[in-house]
Amino acid sequence: MSKKDKKQTNENSTQNGWEEYRNAVTENKNKSQDDFEKYINLLASGGIIISLTFLEKITAVVKIEYVIFYLVGLVLLVFTLITNLYSHHKSIEDSDLIIKEIDEEKYEDIFKNIERRNKPINLLNKTSIWSLIAGTILILTFVSINLVAMNENQKPSPSDNPRQNPKPLTEEKRGRANPTPPRTNPSSTPKK
């Protein structure tokens, strides 16, 4: 094999490696796009439904306490959605740039730019995770405080004490019951 053939083989091998890398980046981009749609819909709809359900149950309490926990928690959950959304968007944009650089055979640019491109995505992902954790903790704290308050408001009063003498049940409170038998016993001789 001549030097020219070896050089051509190395170039083809290098080209095939970059094509595989390009395909992997394209696949990553497609997965990010799919995840983007799925996560946004799941988080947004799930968060809204859960928070509305909690709020509906807790508003039965005379006085809702520590609403600031709930509001800040919701803001953090919305912030989570926004940062997660932007993270996926940034990943898709960066994938497009990498694909373009591979197509233009600017391999050195890929190595120079990869850390710079991944840094904001990693920061957005970490921010999203921590805001989700903080928002969840605040909302759970709000719910816990108000559930305890709800229980305290529903403590039985002395009139509800079952140890007191029971009042006779009226027919309406007994439900359907057999009628009371007569007070006299029937005679032992049959009627003729």
Protein backbone atom coordinates (compact mmCIF):
# COMPACT_ATOMS: atom_id res chain seq x y z
CA MET A 1 0.00 0.00 0.00
CA SER A 2 1.44 3.34 -1.00
CA LYS A 3 1.60 6.45 1.16
CA LYS A 4 -1.11 7.99 -0.98
CA ASP A 5 -3.42 5.02 -0.36
CA LYS A 6 -2.72 5.08 3.41
CA LYS A 7 -3.48 8.79 3.51
CA GLN A 8 -6.73 8.22 1.61
CA THR A 9 -7.67 5.37 3.99
CA ASN A 10 -6.98 7.57 7.05
CA GLU A 11 -9.06 10.38 5.56
CA ASN A 12 -11.93 7.98 4.84
CA SER A 13 -11.67 6.56 8.38
CA THR A 14 -11.66 10.07 9.83
CA GLN A 15 -14.57 11.06 7.60
CA ASN A 16 -16.55 7.98 8.72
CA GLY A 17 -15.84 8.83 12.37
CA TRP A 18 -17.18 12.34 11.86
CA GLU A 19 -20.23 11.04 10.03
CA GLU A 20 -20.96 8.74 12.97
CA TYR A 21 -20.49 11.65 15.36
CA ARG A 22 -22.76 13.79 13.18
CA ASN A 23 -25.42 11.08 13.25
CA ALA A 24 -25.11 10.82 17.04
CA VAL A 25 -25.54 14.61 17.38
CA THR A 26 -28.56 14.49 15.04
CA GLU A 27 -30.06 11.68 17.12
CA ASN A 28 -29.43 13.68 20.31
CA LYS A 29 -31.12 16.69 18.75
CA ASN A 30 -34.16 14.64 17.79
CA LYS A 31 -34.42 13.18 21.31
CA SER A 32 -34.14 16.67 22.81
CA GLN A 33 -36.95 17.87 20.59
CA ASP A 34 -39.12 14.92 21.62
CA ASP A 35 -38.32 15.37 25.31
CA PHE A 36 -38.96 19.09 25.03
CA GLU A 37 -42.57 18.53 23.99
CA LYS A 38 -43.17 15.74 26.50
CA TYR A 39 -41.65 17.39 29.56
CA ILE A 40 -43.25 20.76 29.02
CA ASN A 41 -46.71 19.24 28.68
CA LEU A 42 -46.29 16.86 31.63
CA LEU A 43 -44.83 19.41 34.02
CA ALA A 44 -47.20 22.22 33.09
CA SER A 45 -50.42 20.20 33.18
CA GLY A 46 -49.41 18.15 36.22
CA GLY A 47 -48.30 21.20 38.20
CA ILE A 48 -51.45 23.11 37.40
CA ILE A 49 -53.76 20.23 38.27
CA ILE A 50 -52.01 19.39 41.53
CA SER A 51 -51.79 22.98 42.72
CA LEU A 52 -55.44 23.65 41.89
CA THR A 53 -56.50 20.49 43.70
CA PHE A 54 -54.54 21.45 46.81
CA LEU A 55 -55.88 24.98 46.70
CA GLU A 56 -59.46 23.75 46.33
CA LYS A 57 -59.13 21.47 49.36
CA ILE A 58 -57.34 24.04 51.51
CA THR A 59 -59.71 26.93 50.77
CA ALA A 60 -62.26 25.15 52.96
CA VAL A 61 -60.16 26.43 55.86
CA VAL A 62 -61.43 29.66 57.34
CA LYS A 63 -58.04 31.32 57.11
CA ILE A 64 -55.31 30.22 54.71
CA GLU A 65 -51.88 30.68 56.26
CA TYR A 66 -48.51 31.40 54.64
CA VAL A 67 -49.79 32.06 51.12
CA ILE A 68 -46.32 33.42 50.28
CA PHE A 69 -44.96 29.83 50.36
CA TYR A 70 -47.53 28.82 47.78
CA LEU A 71 -46.95 31.82 45.53
CA VAL A 72 -43.14 31.58 45.60
CA GLY A 73 -43.41 27.82 45.06
CA LEU A 74 -45.59 28.35 41.99
CA VAL A 75 -43.21 31.00 40.64
CA LEU A 76 -40.31 28.55 41.07
CA LEU A 77 -42.23 25.81 39.25
CA VAL A 78 -42.96 28.19 36.39
CA PHE A 79 -39.29 29.19 36.39
CA THR A 80 -38.43 25.47 36.20
CA LEU A 81 -40.60 25.11 33.12
CA ILE A 82 -39.06 28.16 31.46
CA THR A 83 -35.45 27.18 32.15
CA ASN A 84 -36.13 23.61 31.03
CA LEU A 85 -37.76 24.91 27.87
CA TYR A 86 -34.83 27.20 27.11
CA SER A 87 -32.33 24.42 27.86
CA HIS A 88 -33.91 22.19 25.22
CA HIS A 89 -34.07 25.08 22.77
CA LYS A 90 -30.38 25.89 23.33
CA SER A 91 -29.44 22.22 22.88
CA ILE A 92 -31.29 22.10 19.56
CA GLU A 93 -29.56 25.29 18.36
CA ASP A 94 -26.13 23.98 19.39
CA SER A 95 -26.79 20.67 17.66
CA ASP A 96 -27.61 22.54 14.47
CA LEU A 97 -24.33 24.48 14.73
CA ILE A 98 -22.32 21.28 15.28
CA ILE A 99 -23.98 19.63 12.28
CA LYS A 100 -23.18 22.69 10.17
CA GLU A 101 -19.52 22.63 11.31
CA ILE A 102 -19.25 18.93 10.46
CA ASP A 103 -20.78 19.53 7.03
CA GLU A 104 -18.28 22.33 6.43
CA GLU A 105 -15.47 20.11 7.80
CA LYS A 106 -14.57 22.62 10.54
CA TYR A 107 -13.59 19.90 12.99
CA GLU A 108 -11.28 22.08 15.08
CA ASP A 109 -14.13 24.55 15.67
CA ILE A 110 -16.20 21.77 17.21
CA PHE A 111 -13.50 21.02 19.78
CA LYS A 112 -13.02 24.72 20.54
CA ASN A 113 -16.74 25.39 20.96
CA ILE A 114 -18.07 22.26 22.64
CA GLU A 115 -17.37 23.34 26.25
CA ARG A 116 -18.56 26.87 25.58
CA ARG A 117 -21.80 25.51 24.14
CA ASN A 118 -22.44 22.94 26.86
CA LYS A 119 -21.77 25.29 29.79
CA PRO A 120 -25.03 27.31 29.54
CA ILE A 121 -27.05 24.14 28.94
CA ASN A 122 -25.60 22.51 32.05
CA LEU A 123 -26.23 25.68 34.07
CA LEU A 124 -29.84 25.85 32.86
CA ASN A 125 -30.37 22.19 33.73
CA LYS A 126 -28.94 22.60 37.24
CA THR A 127 -31.01 25.76 37.78
CA SER A 128 -34.11 23.92 36.60
CA ILE A 129 -33.52 21.03 38.99
CA TRP A 130 -32.91 23.26 42.02
CA SER A 131 -35.89 25.51 41.31
CA LEU A 132 -38.07 22.41 40.96
CA ILE A 133 -36.83 21.10 44.31
CA ALA A 134 -37.25 24.46 46.07
CA GLY A 135 -40.70 25.06 44.56
CA THR A 136 -41.88 21.60 45.54
CA ILE A 137 -40.62 22.02 49.11
CA LEU A 138 -42.36 25.40 49.46
CA ILE A 139 -45.67 24.10 48.12
CA LEU A 140 -45.50 21.00 50.33
CA THR A 141 -44.74 23.24 53.33
CA PHE A 142 -47.75 25.41 52.48
CA VAL A 143 -49.99 22.36 52.12
CA SER A 144 -48.71 20.78 55.35
CA ILE A 145 -49.22 23.95 57.41
CA ASN A 146 -52.74 24.42 56.09
CA LEU A 147 -53.70 20.76 56.51
CA VAL A 148 -52.69 20.99 60.17
CA ALA A 149 -54.76 24.19 60.48
CA MET A 150 -57.68 22.45 58.79
CA ASN A 151 -57.49 19.57 61.29
CA GLU A 152 -57.37 21.95 64.24
CA ASN A 153 -60.49 23.73 62.96
CA GLN A 154 -62.33 20.41 62.72
CA LYS A 155 -61.64 19.13 66.26
CA PRO A 156 -64.80 17.75 67.84
CA SER A 157 -66.70 19.97 70.23
CA PRO A 158 -67.96 18.69 73.63
CA SER A 159 -71.46 18.22 72.16
CA ASP A 160 -69.96 15.73 69.70
CA ASN A 161 -68.59 13.60 72.56
CA PRO A 162 -69.95 10.06 72.20
CA ARG A 163 -69.69 9.39 75.99
CA GLN A 164 -72.67 11.62 76.69
CA ASN A 165 -76.09 10.04 77.12
CA PRO A 166 -77.42 9.25 73.69
CA LYS A 167 -80.57 10.96 72.60
CA PRO A 168 -83.32 8.70 71.33
CA LEU A 169 -83.36 8.41 67.59
CA THR A 170 -86.36 9.71 65.80
CA GLU A 171 -87.71 7.77 62.87
CA GLU A 172 -86.04 10.12 60.38
CA LYS A 173 -82.61 9.51 61.90
CA ARG A 174 -82.96 5.72 62.14
CA GLY A 175 -83.60 5.15 58.51
CA ARG A 176 -86.04 2.44 57.50
CA ALA A 177 -86.82 0.33 60.55
CA ASN A 178 -89.47 -2.12 61.58
CA PRO A 179 -92.40 -0.62 63.45
CA THR A 180 -92.49 -0.92 67.23
CA PRO A 181 -94.53 -3.91 68.37
CA PRO A 182 -97.64 -3.34 70.49
CA ARG A 183 -97.20 -3.27 74.25
CA THR A 184 -99.81 -5.98 74.92
CA ASN A 185 -99.14 -9.62 74.34
CA PRO A 186 -101.48 -11.53 72.09
CA SER A 187 -103.86 -13.98 73.77
CA SER A 188 -102.96 -17.62 73.81
CA THR A 189 -106.37 -18.75 72.58
CA PRO A 190 -107.00 -18.37 68.94
CA LYS A 191 -109.93 -16.33 67.68
CA LYS A 192 -112.91 -18.24 66.24
